[in-house]
Amino acid sequence: MFTEENEIEEEKEQEIEEYEKEQEGESKEEENENEEEQKEEENEKQKEKEEEKYEYGLNMTELECRTNSEHLGHFLLLQKDSIEYSALEEGDKKALKYLVKDILILEDIELRIDNIHNIPFRIFLESVIKKIKMRQI
């Protein structure tokens, strides 16, 4: 009997040890998850601080490169009466019209991504140009 009781007690102790090990493992996992969450929060705070430091202005050299006609690419645009356009087949002409429409949509998207105020500013500039042209006539 004595040995049976010892065996039962040893089994209980082993079960208790296994249970404690499982609890320790779970608590370590929870600690790891908490540490990961804290690291993510710290990374987000760091990114926010970096965004606050981000400068939107450009230096004069960069502004000149972006606005001076010498630095911009020159492209020959096709007119409807050009030889190249008239040489296109009807299907290609139709496809070209859709491509131009798509490009204009992408341009608006890129302007909005760059700065949300770009589209209203462009509309304002177009209205000012239109007023100036009306005065010249």
N, C-alpha and C. Protein backbone atom coordinates (compact mmCIF):
# COMPACT_ATOMS: atom_id res chain seq x y z
N MET A 1 0.81 -1.18 0.00
CA MET A 1 0.00 0.00 0.00
C MET A 1 0.85 1.25 0.00
N PHE A 2 1.87 1.11 0.75
CA PHE A 2 2.74 2.26 0.88
C PHE A 2 3.32 2.68 -0.46
N THR A 3 3.68 1.74 -1.27
CA THR A 3 4.24 2.03 -2.59
C THR A 3 3.18 2.61 -3.52
N GLU A 4 1.95 2.12 -3.41
CA GLU A 4 0.88 2.66 -4.25
C GLU A 4 0.62 4.12 -3.92
N GLU A 5 0.62 4.44 -2.63
CA GLU A 5 0.41 5.81 -2.21
C GLU A 5 1.56 6.70 -2.69
N ASN A 6 2.76 6.18 -2.62
CA ASN A 6 3.93 6.92 -3.11
C ASN A 6 3.82 7.16 -4.61
N GLU A 7 3.40 6.15 -5.34
CA GLU A 7 3.24 6.28 -6.79
C GLU A 7 2.18 7.32 -7.12
N ILE A 8 1.07 7.30 -6.39
CA ILE A 8 -0.01 8.27 -6.62
C ILE A 8 0.48 9.68 -6.32
N GLU A 9 1.21 9.83 -5.23
CA GLU A 9 1.74 11.14 -4.86
C GLU A 9 2.75 11.62 -5.90
N GLU A 10 3.60 10.72 -6.39
CA GLU A 10 4.57 11.09 -7.42
C GLU A 10 3.87 11.50 -8.72
N GLU A 11 2.82 10.79 -9.07
CA GLU A 11 2.05 11.14 -10.27
C GLU A 11 1.41 12.52 -10.10
N LYS A 12 0.86 12.76 -8.93
CA LYS A 12 0.25 14.06 -8.66
C LYS A 12 1.30 15.17 -8.74
N GLU A 13 2.47 14.92 -8.16
CA GLU A 13 3.54 15.91 -8.20
C GLU A 13 3.99 16.17 -9.65
N GLN A 14 4.08 15.10 -10.43
CA GLN A 14 4.45 15.26 -11.84
C GLN A 14 3.39 16.07 -12.59
N GLU A 15 2.13 15.77 -12.31
CA GLU A 15 1.05 16.52 -12.95
C GLU A 15 1.10 17.99 -12.55
N ILE A 16 1.38 18.24 -11.29
CA ILE A 16 1.48 19.61 -10.80
C ILE A 16 2.65 20.32 -11.48
N GLU A 17 3.78 19.64 -11.58
CA GLU A 17 4.95 20.23 -12.25
C GLU A 17 4.65 20.52 -13.71
N GLU A 18 3.99 19.58 -14.40
CA GLU A 18 3.64 19.79 -15.81
C GLU A 18 2.68 20.97 -15.94
N TYR A 19 1.71 21.04 -15.04
CA TYR A 19 0.76 22.15 -15.08
C TYR A 19 1.48 23.48 -14.87
N GLU A 20 2.40 23.53 -13.90
CA GLU A 20 3.15 24.75 -13.64
C GLU A 20 4.02 25.14 -14.84
N LYS A 21 4.62 24.12 -15.47
CA LYS A 21 5.42 24.40 -16.67
C LYS A 21 4.54 24.96 -17.78
N GLU A 22 3.36 24.40 -17.95
CA GLU A 22 2.44 24.91 -18.98
C GLU A 22 2.05 26.36 -18.67
N GLN A 23 1.78 26.62 -17.38
CA GLN A 23 1.41 27.98 -16.98
C GLN A 23 2.56 28.94 -17.22
N GLU A 24 3.77 28.50 -16.92
CA GLU A 24 4.94 29.34 -17.17
C GLU A 24 5.10 29.61 -18.67
N GLY A 25 4.89 28.58 -19.48
CA GLY A 25 4.99 28.73 -20.94
C GLY A 25 3.96 29.70 -21.46
N GLU A 26 2.73 29.59 -20.95
CA GLU A 26 1.68 30.51 -21.38
C GLU A 26 1.99 31.93 -20.93
N SER A 27 2.49 32.07 -19.71
CA SER A 27 2.80 33.42 -19.23
C SER A 27 3.95 34.01 -20.02
N LYS A 28 4.92 33.17 -20.43
CA LYS A 28 6.02 33.66 -21.26
C LYS A 28 5.50 34.09 -22.62
N GLU A 29 4.57 33.33 -23.17
CA GLU A 29 3.98 33.71 -24.45
C GLU A 29 3.25 35.04 -24.33
N GLU A 30 2.51 35.19 -23.22
CA GLU A 30 1.82 36.46 -23.01
C GLU A 30 2.80 37.61 -22.85
N GLU A 31 3.89 37.36 -22.14
CA GLU A 31 4.92 38.39 -21.98
C GLU A 31 5.53 38.74 -23.33
N ASN A 32 5.79 37.72 -24.15
CA ASN A 32 6.34 37.97 -25.48
C ASN A 32 5.37 38.79 -26.33
N GLU A 33 4.07 38.45 -26.26
CA GLU A 33 3.07 39.21 -27.01
C GLU A 33 3.01 40.65 -26.53
N ASN A 34 3.07 40.82 -25.20
CA ASN A 34 3.05 42.18 -24.65
C ASN A 34 4.28 42.96 -25.09
N GLU A 35 5.43 42.31 -25.07
CA GLU A 35 6.65 42.97 -25.51
C GLU A 35 6.55 43.36 -26.98
N GLU A 36 6.01 42.47 -27.81
CA GLU A 36 5.85 42.77 -29.24
C GLU A 36 4.90 43.95 -29.45
N GLU A 37 3.81 43.97 -28.68
CA GLU A 37 2.86 45.08 -28.79
C GLU A 37 3.52 46.39 -28.38
N GLN A 38 4.32 46.34 -27.31
CA GLN A 38 5.02 47.54 -26.86
C GLN A 38 6.01 48.02 -27.91
N LYS A 39 6.72 47.07 -28.54
CA LYS A 39 7.66 47.44 -29.59
C LYS A 39 6.93 48.06 -30.77
N GLU A 40 5.79 47.49 -31.14
CA GLU A 40 5.01 48.06 -32.24
C GLU A 40 4.54 49.47 -31.92
N GLU A 41 4.08 49.67 -30.69
CA GLU A 41 3.65 51.01 -30.28
C GLU A 41 4.82 52.00 -30.31
N GLU A 42 5.98 51.55 -29.85
CA GLU A 42 7.16 52.41 -29.89
C GLU A 42 7.55 52.74 -31.32
N ASN A 43 7.47 51.75 -32.21
CA ASN A 43 7.78 51.99 -33.62
C ASN A 43 6.80 52.99 -34.23
N GLU A 44 5.52 52.87 -33.90
CA GLU A 44 4.53 53.81 -34.42
C GLU A 44 4.80 55.22 -33.90
N LYS A 45 5.14 55.33 -32.63
CA LYS A 45 5.46 56.65 -32.07
C LYS A 45 6.68 57.24 -32.75
N GLN A 46 7.68 56.38 -33.01
CA GLN A 46 8.90 56.83 -33.68
C GLN A 46 8.57 57.33 -35.09
N LYS A 47 7.71 56.59 -35.81
CA LYS A 47 7.32 57.00 -37.15
C LYS A 47 6.59 58.34 -37.12
N GLU A 48 5.71 58.51 -36.13
CA GLU A 48 4.99 59.78 -36.01
C GLU A 48 5.97 60.93 -35.77
N LYS A 49 6.96 60.68 -34.93
CA LYS A 49 7.96 61.72 -34.67
C LYS A 49 8.74 62.04 -35.93
N GLU A 50 9.09 61.02 -36.70
CA GLU A 50 9.82 61.24 -37.94
C GLU A 50 8.98 62.01 -38.94
N GLU A 51 7.67 61.69 -38.99
CA GLU A 51 6.79 62.41 -39.91
C GLU A 51 6.67 63.87 -39.51
N GLU A 52 6.69 64.14 -38.21
CA GLU A 52 6.63 65.53 -37.76
C GLU A 52 7.87 66.29 -38.19
N LYS A 53 8.99 65.60 -38.24
CA LYS A 53 10.24 66.23 -38.63
C LYS A 53 10.37 66.37 -40.14
N TYR A 54 9.55 65.69 -40.88
CA TYR A 54 9.65 65.69 -42.34
C TYR A 54 9.44 67.10 -42.87
N GLU A 55 10.34 67.53 -43.73
CA GLU A 55 10.24 68.86 -44.30
C GLU A 55 9.60 68.77 -45.67
N TYR A 56 8.60 69.61 -45.90
CA TYR A 56 7.90 69.61 -47.17
C TYR A 56 8.56 70.53 -48.19
N GLY A 57 9.28 71.54 -47.72
CA GLY A 57 9.90 72.50 -48.62
C GLY A 57 11.08 71.91 -49.38
N LEU A 58 11.34 72.46 -50.54
CA LEU A 58 12.48 72.03 -51.36
C LEU A 58 13.49 73.17 -51.42
N ASN A 59 14.77 72.82 -51.54
CA ASN A 59 15.77 73.86 -51.67
C ASN A 59 15.72 74.43 -53.10
N MET A 60 16.40 75.53 -53.31
CA MET A 60 16.33 76.22 -54.62
C MET A 60 16.84 75.36 -55.77
N THR A 61 17.87 74.57 -55.53
CA THR A 61 18.41 73.72 -56.60
C THR A 61 17.36 72.72 -57.06
N GLU A 62 16.68 72.09 -56.10
CA GLU A 62 15.64 71.11 -56.44
C GLU A 62 14.46 71.78 -57.14
N LEU A 63 14.08 72.97 -56.67
CA LEU A 63 12.99 73.70 -57.32
C LEU A 63 13.35 74.04 -58.76
N GLU A 64 14.57 74.47 -59.00
CA GLU A 64 15.00 74.80 -60.36
C GLU A 64 14.98 73.56 -61.24
N CYS A 65 15.44 72.44 -60.70
CA CYS A 65 15.44 71.19 -61.48
C CYS A 65 14.02 70.77 -61.86
N ARG A 66 13.09 71.03 -60.97
CA ARG A 66 11.71 70.59 -61.23
C ARG A 66 10.93 71.56 -62.11
N THR A 67 11.38 72.81 -62.21
CA THR A 67 10.59 73.80 -62.94
C THR A 67 11.28 74.38 -64.17
N ASN A 68 12.56 74.31 -64.25
CA ASN A 68 13.28 74.89 -65.37
C ASN A 68 13.09 74.01 -66.61
N SER A 69 12.77 74.63 -67.73
CA SER A 69 12.51 73.87 -68.96
C SER A 69 13.74 73.11 -69.45
N GLU A 70 14.93 73.56 -69.08
CA GLU A 70 16.14 72.85 -69.48
C GLU A 70 16.25 71.49 -68.82
N HIS A 71 15.66 71.36 -67.64
CA HIS A 71 15.74 70.11 -66.90
C HIS A 71 14.58 69.17 -67.20
N LEU A 72 13.57 69.67 -67.85
CA LEU A 72 12.40 68.84 -68.15
C LEU A 72 12.58 68.14 -69.48
N GLY A 73 11.95 66.96 -69.59
CA GLY A 73 12.01 66.22 -70.85
C GLY A 73 11.13 66.88 -71.90
N HIS A 74 11.54 66.78 -73.16
CA HIS A 74 10.77 67.35 -74.26
C HIS A 74 10.15 66.21 -75.05
N PHE A 75 8.84 66.28 -75.22
CA PHE A 75 8.12 65.23 -75.92
C PHE A 75 7.33 65.84 -77.07
N LEU A 76 7.36 65.18 -78.18
CA LEU A 76 6.59 65.61 -79.33
C LEU A 76 5.21 64.96 -79.23
N LEU A 77 4.19 65.79 -79.08
CA LEU A 77 2.83 65.27 -78.96
C LEU A 77 2.19 65.20 -80.34
N LEU A 78 1.42 64.17 -80.56
CA LEU A 78 0.78 63.98 -81.86
C LEU A 78 -0.49 64.83 -81.96
N GLN A 79 -0.68 65.42 -83.10
CA GLN A 79 -1.92 66.13 -83.41
C GLN A 79 -2.80 65.19 -84.23
N LYS A 80 -4.10 65.49 -84.29
CA LYS A 80 -4.99 64.62 -85.06
C LYS A 80 -4.66 64.62 -86.55
N ASP A 81 -4.07 65.69 -87.02
CA ASP A 81 -3.74 65.75 -88.45
C ASP A 81 -2.29 65.36 -88.74
N SER A 82 -1.57 64.82 -87.73
CA SER A 82 -0.19 64.43 -87.96
C SER A 82 -0.11 63.13 -88.77
N ILE A 83 1.01 62.95 -89.43
CA ILE A 83 1.22 61.77 -90.27
C ILE A 83 1.20 60.51 -89.41
N GLU A 84 1.85 60.58 -88.24
CA GLU A 84 1.94 59.41 -87.37
C GLU A 84 0.56 58.97 -86.89
N TYR A 85 -0.29 59.95 -86.50
CA TYR A 85 -1.63 59.61 -86.01
C TYR A 85 -2.49 59.05 -87.14
N SER A 86 -2.40 59.66 -88.31
CA SER A 86 -3.23 59.19 -89.42
C SER A 86 -2.79 57.81 -89.91
N ALA A 87 -1.54 57.43 -89.63
CA ALA A 87 -1.06 56.11 -90.03
C ALA A 87 -1.58 54.99 -89.12
N LEU A 88 -2.11 55.37 -87.97
CA LEU A 88 -2.64 54.36 -87.05
C LEU A 88 -3.94 53.77 -87.59
N GLU A 89 -4.17 52.51 -87.27
CA GLU A 89 -5.44 51.87 -87.64
C GLU A 89 -6.53 52.38 -86.71
N GLU A 90 -7.78 52.20 -87.10
CA GLU A 90 -8.91 52.71 -86.32
C GLU A 90 -8.92 52.15 -84.90
N GLY A 91 -8.63 50.86 -84.75
CA GLY A 91 -8.60 50.25 -83.42
C GLY A 91 -7.53 50.87 -82.55
N ASP A 92 -6.37 51.17 -83.15
CA ASP A 92 -5.28 51.80 -82.40
C ASP A 92 -5.64 53.23 -82.00
N LYS A 93 -6.33 53.94 -82.90
CA LYS A 93 -6.76 55.31 -82.56
C LYS A 93 -7.73 55.29 -81.39
N LYS A 94 -8.64 54.32 -81.42
CA LYS A 94 -9.61 54.20 -80.33
C LYS A 94 -8.91 53.85 -79.02
N ALA A 95 -7.96 52.92 -79.09
CA ALA A 95 -7.19 52.52 -77.90
C ALA A 95 -6.39 53.71 -77.35
N LEU A 96 -5.83 54.51 -78.24
CA LEU A 96 -5.05 55.67 -77.84
C LEU A 96 -5.92 56.67 -77.07
N LYS A 97 -7.16 56.86 -77.51
CA LYS A 97 -8.07 57.76 -76.81
C LYS A 97 -8.32 57.28 -75.38
N TYR A 98 -8.51 55.95 -75.22
CA TYR A 98 -8.73 55.41 -73.88
C TYR A 98 -7.48 55.54 -73.01
N LEU A 99 -6.32 55.34 -73.62
CA LEU A 99 -5.07 55.48 -72.87
C LEU A 99 -4.88 56.90 -72.36
N VAL A 100 -5.22 57.88 -73.20
CA VAL A 100 -5.10 59.28 -72.77
C VAL A 100 -6.06 59.57 -71.62
N LYS A 101 -7.28 59.06 -71.69
CA LYS A 101 -8.24 59.25 -70.59
C LYS A 101 -7.71 58.61 -69.30
N ASP A 102 -7.15 57.41 -69.43
CA ASP A 102 -6.60 56.73 -68.26
C ASP A 102 -5.43 57.51 -67.66
N ILE A 103 -4.60 58.07 -68.50
CA ILE A 103 -3.46 58.85 -68.02
C ILE A 103 -3.94 60.08 -67.24
N LEU A 104 -4.99 60.71 -67.72
CA LEU A 104 -5.52 61.87 -67.01
C LEU A 104 -6.07 61.48 -65.65
N ILE A 105 -6.71 60.31 -65.56
CA ILE A 105 -7.21 59.83 -64.27
C ILE A 105 -6.04 59.55 -63.33
N LEU A 106 -5.01 58.89 -63.84
CA LEU A 106 -3.83 58.59 -63.01
C LEU A 106 -3.13 59.87 -62.55
N GLU A 107 -3.12 60.86 -63.42
CA GLU A 107 -2.51 62.14 -63.04
C GLU A 107 -3.23 62.74 -61.83
N ASP A 108 -4.57 62.72 -61.86
CA ASP A 108 -5.33 63.24 -60.73
C ASP A 108 -5.04 62.45 -59.45
N ILE A 109 -4.95 61.13 -59.59
CA ILE A 109 -4.66 60.29 -58.42
C ILE A 109 -3.30 60.64 -57.86
N GLU A 110 -2.31 60.76 -58.71
CA GLU A 110 -0.95 61.09 -58.24
C GLU A 110 -0.92 62.47 -57.58
N LEU A 111 -1.66 63.41 -58.14
CA LEU A 111 -1.71 64.75 -57.53
C LEU A 111 -2.33 64.69 -56.13
N ARG A 112 -3.40 63.90 -55.98
CA ARG A 112 -4.04 63.78 -54.67
C ARG A 112 -3.12 63.08 -53.67
N ILE A 113 -2.40 62.07 -54.14
CA ILE A 113 -1.47 61.37 -53.24
C ILE A 113 -0.37 62.31 -52.79
N ASP A 114 0.13 63.12 -53.71
CA ASP A 114 1.21 64.06 -53.39
C ASP A 114 0.76 65.07 -52.35
N ASN A 115 -0.40 65.70 -52.60
CA ASN A 115 -0.93 66.67 -51.65
C ASN A 115 -2.42 66.83 -51.94
N ILE A 116 -3.23 66.76 -50.92
CA ILE A 116 -4.69 66.80 -51.10
C ILE A 116 -5.16 68.14 -51.68
N HIS A 117 -4.35 69.18 -51.58
CA HIS A 117 -4.73 70.50 -52.06
C HIS A 117 -4.30 70.75 -53.51
N ASN A 118 -3.65 69.80 -54.14
CA ASN A 118 -3.17 70.01 -55.51
C ASN A 118 -4.32 70.21 -56.51
N ILE A 119 -5.36 69.42 -56.41
CA ILE A 119 -6.47 69.52 -57.37
C ILE A 119 -7.19 70.87 -57.23
N PRO A 120 -7.60 71.27 -56.02
CA PRO A 120 -8.23 72.60 -55.91
C PRO A 120 -7.30 73.73 -56.37
N PHE A 121 -6.02 73.61 -56.11
CA PHE A 121 -5.07 74.63 -56.54
C PHE A 121 -4.97 74.67 -58.06
N ARG A 122 -4.96 73.50 -58.69
CA ARG A 122 -4.92 73.45 -60.15
C ARG A 122 -6.18 74.09 -60.74
N ILE A 123 -7.32 73.81 -60.16
CA ILE A 123 -8.57 74.42 -60.64
C ILE A 123 -8.51 75.93 -60.49
N PHE A 124 -7.99 76.40 -59.36
CA PHE A 124 -7.83 77.84 -59.16
C PHE A 124 -6.92 78.44 -60.22
N LEU A 125 -5.78 77.81 -60.47
CA LEU A 125 -4.85 78.33 -61.48
C LEU A 125 -5.50 78.36 -62.86
N GLU A 126 -6.24 77.32 -63.21
CA GLU A 126 -6.91 77.29 -64.51
C GLU A 126 -7.92 78.42 -64.63
N SER A 127 -8.63 78.71 -63.53
CA SER A 127 -9.61 79.81 -63.59
C SER A 127 -8.91 81.16 -63.74
N VAL A 128 -7.78 81.34 -63.08
CA VAL A 128 -7.03 82.59 -63.22
C VAL A 128 -6.52 82.73 -64.65
N ILE A 129 -5.98 81.68 -65.21
CA ILE A 129 -5.50 81.70 -66.60
C ILE A 129 -6.63 82.03 -67.55
N LYS A 130 -7.78 81.44 -67.31
CA LYS A 130 -8.94 81.70 -68.17
C LYS A 130 -9.34 83.17 -68.10
N LYS A 131 -9.34 83.76 -66.90
CA LYS A 131 -9.67 85.18 -66.73
C LYS A 131 -8.67 86.06 -67.46
N ILE A 132 -7.40 85.73 -67.36
CA ILE A 132 -6.36 86.51 -68.04
C ILE A 132 -6.55 86.44 -69.54
N LYS A 133 -6.84 85.27 -70.06
CA LYS A 133 -7.05 85.11 -71.52
C LYS A 133 -8.28 85.89 -71.96
N MET A 134 -9.32 85.92 -71.14
CA MET A 134 -10.54 86.66 -71.49
C MET A 134 -10.25 88.15 -71.55
N ARG A 135 -9.41 88.67 -70.69
CA ARG A 135 -9.05 90.08 -70.68
C ARG A 135 -8.24 90.47 -71.91
N GLN A 136 -7.41 89.51 -72.39
CA GLN A 136 -6.58 89.78 -73.55
C GLN A 136 -7.40 89.84 -74.82
N ILE A 137 -8.54 89.19 -74.85
CA ILE A 137 -9.37 89.18 -76.05
C ILE A 137 -10.18 90.41 -76.12
